[in-house]
Protein backbone atom coordinates (compact mmCIF):
# COMPACT_ATOMS: atom_id res chain seq x y z
CA MET A 1 -1.89 47.36 -13.53
CA ARG A 2 -2.89 43.76 -14.22
CA LYS A 3 -3.74 41.54 -11.28
CA LYS A 4 -1.13 39.17 -9.91
CA MET A 5 -2.68 35.75 -9.53
CA VAL A 6 -1.74 32.29 -8.29
CA ALA A 7 -4.36 29.59 -8.87
CA GLY A 8 -4.04 26.08 -7.44
CA ASN A 9 -5.56 23.21 -9.41
CA TRP A 10 -5.89 20.27 -7.04
CA LYS A 11 -7.01 17.95 -9.89
CA MET A 12 -8.34 14.56 -8.70
CA ASN A 13 -6.51 14.68 -5.38
CA THR A 14 -7.58 14.78 -1.71
CA THR A 15 -10.50 13.19 0.04
CA PHE A 16 -12.94 15.71 1.44
CA GLN A 17 -11.26 15.53 4.84
CA GLU A 18 -7.81 16.02 3.30
CA GLY A 19 -9.11 18.92 1.23
CA GLU A 20 -10.62 20.54 4.29
CA THR A 21 -7.26 20.32 6.04
CA LEU A 22 -5.41 21.73 3.02
CA ALA A 23 -7.86 24.60 2.62
CA GLY A 24 -7.51 25.40 6.30
CA ALA A 25 -3.73 25.47 6.01
CA ILE A 26 -3.89 27.82 3.02
CA VAL A 27 -6.28 30.13 4.86
CA GLY A 28 -4.00 30.05 7.89
CA LYS A 29 -0.96 31.02 5.83
CA LYS A 30 -2.65 33.54 3.54
CA GLY A 31 -1.37 36.42 5.63
CA GLU A 32 2.18 35.43 4.70
CA ALA A 33 1.46 36.11 1.01
CA PRO A 34 1.64 39.58 -0.56
CA GLY A 35 -1.64 41.43 -0.28
CA ASP A 36 -1.72 42.28 -3.97
CA VAL A 37 -1.57 38.63 -5.11
CA LEU A 38 -4.96 37.00 -5.62
CA LEU A 39 -4.97 33.39 -4.44
CA ILE A 40 -7.44 30.98 -6.04
CA VAL A 41 -7.93 27.29 -5.33
CA ALA A 42 -9.77 24.71 -7.45
CA PRO A 43 -10.74 21.72 -5.30
CA PRO A 44 -12.65 18.69 -6.66
CA PHE A 45 -16.40 19.11 -7.19
CA THR A 46 -17.16 17.09 -4.03
CA HIS A 47 -15.45 19.70 -1.84
CA LEU A 48 -16.75 22.94 -3.32
CA SER A 49 -19.99 23.58 -1.47
CA ALA A 50 -18.36 23.09 1.93
CA LEU A 51 -15.04 24.82 1.23
CA ALA A 52 -16.28 27.83 -0.72
CA PRO A 53 -17.63 29.80 2.28
CA PRO A 54 -14.51 29.68 4.50
CA LEU A 55 -12.16 30.23 1.55
CA LYS A 56 -14.10 33.23 0.29
CA ALA A 57 -14.40 34.64 3.80
CA ALA A 58 -10.60 34.58 3.99
CA GLY A 59 -10.24 36.32 0.63
CA VAL A 60 -9.24 33.20 -1.32
CA GLY A 61 -10.97 32.79 -4.67
CA VAL A 62 -12.80 29.54 -5.42
CA ALA A 63 -12.67 27.81 -8.80
CA ALA A 64 -14.15 24.67 -10.29
CA GLN A 65 -11.96 22.45 -12.46
CA ASN A 66 -14.53 22.07 -15.23
CA CYS A 67 -18.18 22.67 -16.12
CA ALA A 68 -20.71 21.20 -18.52
CA ALA A 69 -21.21 22.54 -22.03
CA GLU A 70 -25.00 22.57 -21.47
CA ALA A 71 -27.08 24.60 -19.05
CA GLN A 72 -29.22 21.75 -17.69
CA GLY A 73 -30.99 18.56 -18.69
CA ALA A 74 -30.41 14.83 -19.11
CA TYR A 75 -26.61 14.84 -18.90
CA THR A 76 -25.85 12.23 -16.24
CA GLY A 77 -22.72 12.95 -14.26
CA GLU A 78 -22.29 16.52 -15.50
CA VAL A 79 -22.12 19.67 -13.36
CA SER A 80 -23.46 22.89 -14.85
CA ALA A 81 -21.99 26.34 -14.52
CA ARG A 82 -25.26 27.47 -12.93
CA MET A 83 -24.89 24.82 -10.21
CA LEU A 84 -21.37 26.02 -9.52
CA ALA A 85 -22.40 29.66 -9.30
CA SER A 86 -25.22 28.74 -6.91
CA ILE A 87 -22.73 27.48 -4.29
CA GLY A 88 -20.43 30.49 -4.48
CA VAL A 89 -17.86 29.38 -7.06
CA GLN A 90 -16.31 32.40 -8.80
CA TYR A 91 -13.95 30.91 -11.41
CA CYS A 92 -13.91 27.86 -13.66
CA ILE A 93 -10.94 26.18 -15.34
CA ILE A 94 -11.91 25.35 -18.92
CA GLY A 95 -9.88 23.56 -21.57
CA HIS A 96 -7.18 22.10 -19.37
CA SER A 97 -4.83 19.93 -21.40
CA GLU A 98 -5.97 16.84 -19.49
CA ARG A 99 -9.58 17.52 -20.49
CA ARG A 100 -8.52 17.96 -24.09
CA GLU A 101 -6.34 14.83 -24.15
CA TYR A 102 -8.23 12.34 -22.01
CA TYR A 103 -11.83 13.41 -22.68
CA GLY A 104 -11.57 14.65 -26.26
CA GLU A 105 -12.80 18.16 -25.59
CA THR A 106 -12.63 20.17 -28.80
CA ASN A 107 -12.34 23.92 -29.19
CA ALA A 108 -16.01 24.01 -30.27
CA VAL A 109 -17.07 22.29 -27.04
CA LEU A 110 -14.82 24.56 -25.02
CA LEU A 111 -16.40 27.68 -26.53
CA LYS A 112 -19.78 26.38 -25.34
CA LYS A 113 -18.35 25.86 -21.86
CA VAL A 114 -16.86 29.35 -21.82
CA ARG A 115 -20.24 30.82 -22.76
CA GLN A 116 -22.00 28.76 -20.08
CA ALA A 117 -19.58 30.04 -17.45
CA LEU A 118 -19.90 33.65 -18.59
CA ASP A 119 -23.70 33.46 -18.69
CA VAL A 120 -23.86 32.78 -14.93
CA GLY A 121 -21.16 35.25 -13.92
CA LEU A 122 -18.15 32.95 -13.57
CA HIS A 123 -14.67 33.97 -14.71
CA PRO A 124 -13.26 31.31 -17.05
CA ILE A 125 -9.61 30.38 -16.64
CA PHE A 126 -9.10 29.22 -20.20
CA CYS A 127 -6.16 26.90 -20.86
CA ILE A 128 -4.17 26.76 -24.06
CA GLY A 129 -0.86 25.19 -25.01
CA GLU A 130 1.06 22.77 -27.19
CA VAL A 131 2.29 19.20 -26.76
CA LEU A 132 5.93 18.21 -27.16
CA ALA A 133 5.66 17.18 -30.82
CA GLU A 134 4.09 20.52 -31.70
CA ARG A 135 6.79 22.42 -29.82
CA GLU A 136 9.57 20.43 -31.48
CA ALA A 137 8.00 21.00 -34.90
CA GLY A 138 7.94 24.75 -34.29
CA ARG A 139 4.13 24.82 -34.37
CA HIS A 140 3.53 26.17 -30.87
CA PHE A 141 2.53 29.64 -32.06
CA ASP A 142 0.05 28.21 -34.57
CA VAL A 143 -1.45 25.88 -31.96
CA VAL A 144 -2.17 28.56 -29.39
CA ARG A 145 -3.44 30.95 -32.08
CA THR A 146 -5.96 28.35 -33.26
CA GLN A 147 -7.10 27.63 -29.72
CA LEU A 148 -7.70 31.34 -29.16
CA GLU A 149 -9.34 31.89 -32.54
CA ASP A 150 -11.81 29.05 -31.97
CA ALA A 151 -12.81 29.62 -28.35
CA ILE A 152 -11.89 33.15 -27.21
CA LEU A 153 -11.82 35.54 -30.18
CA PRO A 154 -15.54 34.90 -30.94
CA LEU A 155 -16.47 36.54 -27.61
CA SER A 156 -17.76 40.08 -27.26
CA PRO A 157 -15.40 42.62 -25.68
CA ALA A 158 -17.58 42.70 -22.55
CA ASP A 159 -17.31 38.93 -22.14
CA PHE A 160 -13.61 38.90 -23.00
CA GLU A 161 -12.89 41.28 -20.11
CA ARG A 162 -13.79 38.45 -17.70
CA ILE A 163 -11.44 35.88 -19.25
CA ILE A 164 -8.17 34.69 -17.67
CA ILE A 165 -5.78 32.81 -19.97
CA ALA A 166 -3.50 30.05 -18.70
CA TYR A 167 -0.70 28.96 -21.03
CA GLU A 168 0.29 25.34 -20.47
CA PRO A 169 3.32 23.92 -22.23
CA VAL A 170 1.79 20.44 -22.08
CA TRP A 171 5.24 18.87 -22.35
CA ALA A 172 6.12 20.45 -18.99
CA ILE A 173 3.11 19.30 -16.96
CA GLY A 174 3.99 16.64 -14.42
CA THR A 175 7.26 15.89 -16.22
CA GLY A 176 9.52 18.06 -14.11
CA LYS A 177 10.43 19.99 -17.26
CA THR A 178 9.76 23.70 -17.31
CA ALA A 179 9.81 26.22 -20.09
CA THR A 180 12.63 28.68 -19.57
CA ALA A 181 11.61 32.13 -18.44
CA GLY A 182 12.52 33.36 -21.91
CA GLN A 183 10.31 30.75 -23.59
CA ALA A 184 7.44 31.60 -21.26
CA GLN A 185 7.76 35.33 -21.96
CA GLU A 186 8.03 34.78 -25.71
CA ILE A 187 4.78 32.88 -26.01
CA HIS A 188 2.93 34.95 -23.41
CA ALA A 189 3.81 38.07 -25.39
CA TYR A 190 2.62 36.34 -28.57
CA ILE A 191 -0.68 35.40 -26.91
CA ARG A 192 -1.21 38.97 -25.74
CA ASN A 193 -0.54 40.25 -29.26
CA VAL A 194 -3.08 37.82 -30.75
CA LEU A 195 -5.65 39.00 -28.22
CA ALA A 196 -4.80 42.65 -28.83
CA ALA A 197 -5.35 42.28 -32.57
CA LYS A 198 -9.02 41.51 -31.80
CA PHE A 199 -9.71 43.27 -28.51
CA GLY A 200 -7.25 46.16 -28.55
CA ALA A 201 -6.26 47.71 -25.24
CA LEU A 202 -8.40 45.20 -23.29
CA ALA A 203 -5.72 42.59 -23.95
CA HIS A 204 -3.19 44.60 -21.97
CA ASP A 205 -5.35 44.08 -18.87
CA THR A 206 -5.87 40.34 -19.43
CA VAL A 207 -4.25 38.12 -16.82
CA LEU A 208 -1.96 35.53 -18.44
CA LEU A 209 -0.90 32.65 -16.19
CA TYR A 210 1.94 30.21 -16.74
CA GLY A 211 0.87 26.61 -16.14
CA GLY A 212 3.78 24.25 -16.57
CA SER A 213 5.46 22.76 -13.48
CA CYS A 214 5.69 26.07 -11.67
CA LYS A 215 7.16 25.64 -8.19
CA PRO A 216 8.84 27.78 -5.51
CA SER A 217 12.28 27.31 -7.05
CA ASN A 218 11.39 28.72 -10.48
CA ALA A 219 8.36 30.94 -9.84
CA GLY A 220 10.36 34.10 -9.19
CA GLU A 221 12.14 34.00 -12.54
CA LEU A 222 8.91 33.22 -14.38
CA PHE A 223 6.86 35.90 -12.63
CA ALA A 224 9.55 38.53 -13.33
CA GLN A 225 8.69 38.35 -17.04
CA PRO A 226 6.59 41.32 -18.21
CA ASP A 227 3.75 39.24 -19.71
CA VAL A 228 3.59 36.50 -17.05
CA ASP A 229 1.03 37.57 -14.45
CA GLY A 230 1.14 34.49 -12.24
CA GLY A 231 0.71 30.75 -12.34
CA LEU A 232 -1.80 27.93 -12.64
CA ILE A 233 -0.23 25.53 -10.17
CA GLY A 234 -0.70 21.77 -10.09
CA GLY A 235 1.26 19.55 -7.71
CA ALA A 236 2.76 22.39 -5.69
CA SER A 237 -0.73 23.63 -4.79
CA LEU A 238 -1.29 20.47 -2.71
CA VAL A 239 1.27 21.68 -0.16
CA ALA A 240 0.21 24.88 1.58
CA ASP A 241 3.79 26.02 2.26
CA ASP A 242 4.74 25.60 -1.41
CA PHE A 243 1.58 27.33 -2.64
CA ILE A 244 2.22 30.36 -0.44
CA ALA A 245 5.92 30.34 -1.36
CA ILE A 246 4.94 30.60 -5.03
CA ALA A 247 2.76 33.61 -4.22
CA ASN A 248 5.71 35.13 -2.40
CA ALA A 249 7.81 34.73 -5.55
CA PHE A 250 6.35 38.02 -6.79
């Protein structure tokens, strides 16, 4: 059985003090969530070293929102995967649509980031997905295939086993729009088939998360789909009650 997973991406939100309060609320409510659902939170870099120990002690996974494409050196302002691993981070979001759009991250750069994360033992949460124009043009399957071919399919089977895939319909992020459960299942099944063509049975154990405006009101229908294993949650992860309610949607 694949893991059930709900990962909260806080993005550039919360001061340290606000993040500490939010993390404490999530820890306090974790017992209300099903025991077989893995909760992960991705606070800003500034919070990670302080929040990782109490979150991990409570059984909540800790993710970074990004990492550098290089291991070390003269890269002012960057944070390496090795630095993240050294403070107890376990997961790293790579290739989020906002990184692709606002910071010009290409699939070639993202493959380097994936390898950096894997080299130090992190589990990449690799994001793929199409923008509205690509969806309306019927190119969504081609877009996600290319993203996988360039940054995931080059991996060895051993490395691929540690990958989590998050599908983001970019047109549904922060817009209030959501892919229907049928649309989510259709493309998640397609993604799994693309992965299976390269990695065989390993793809059937790969966690596929839905990452487009998932909230308590629609999570149950989305998570009921056979190839949707959970969610990468944005805004709703900033409210502990909503985050736990999404986990309870299983």
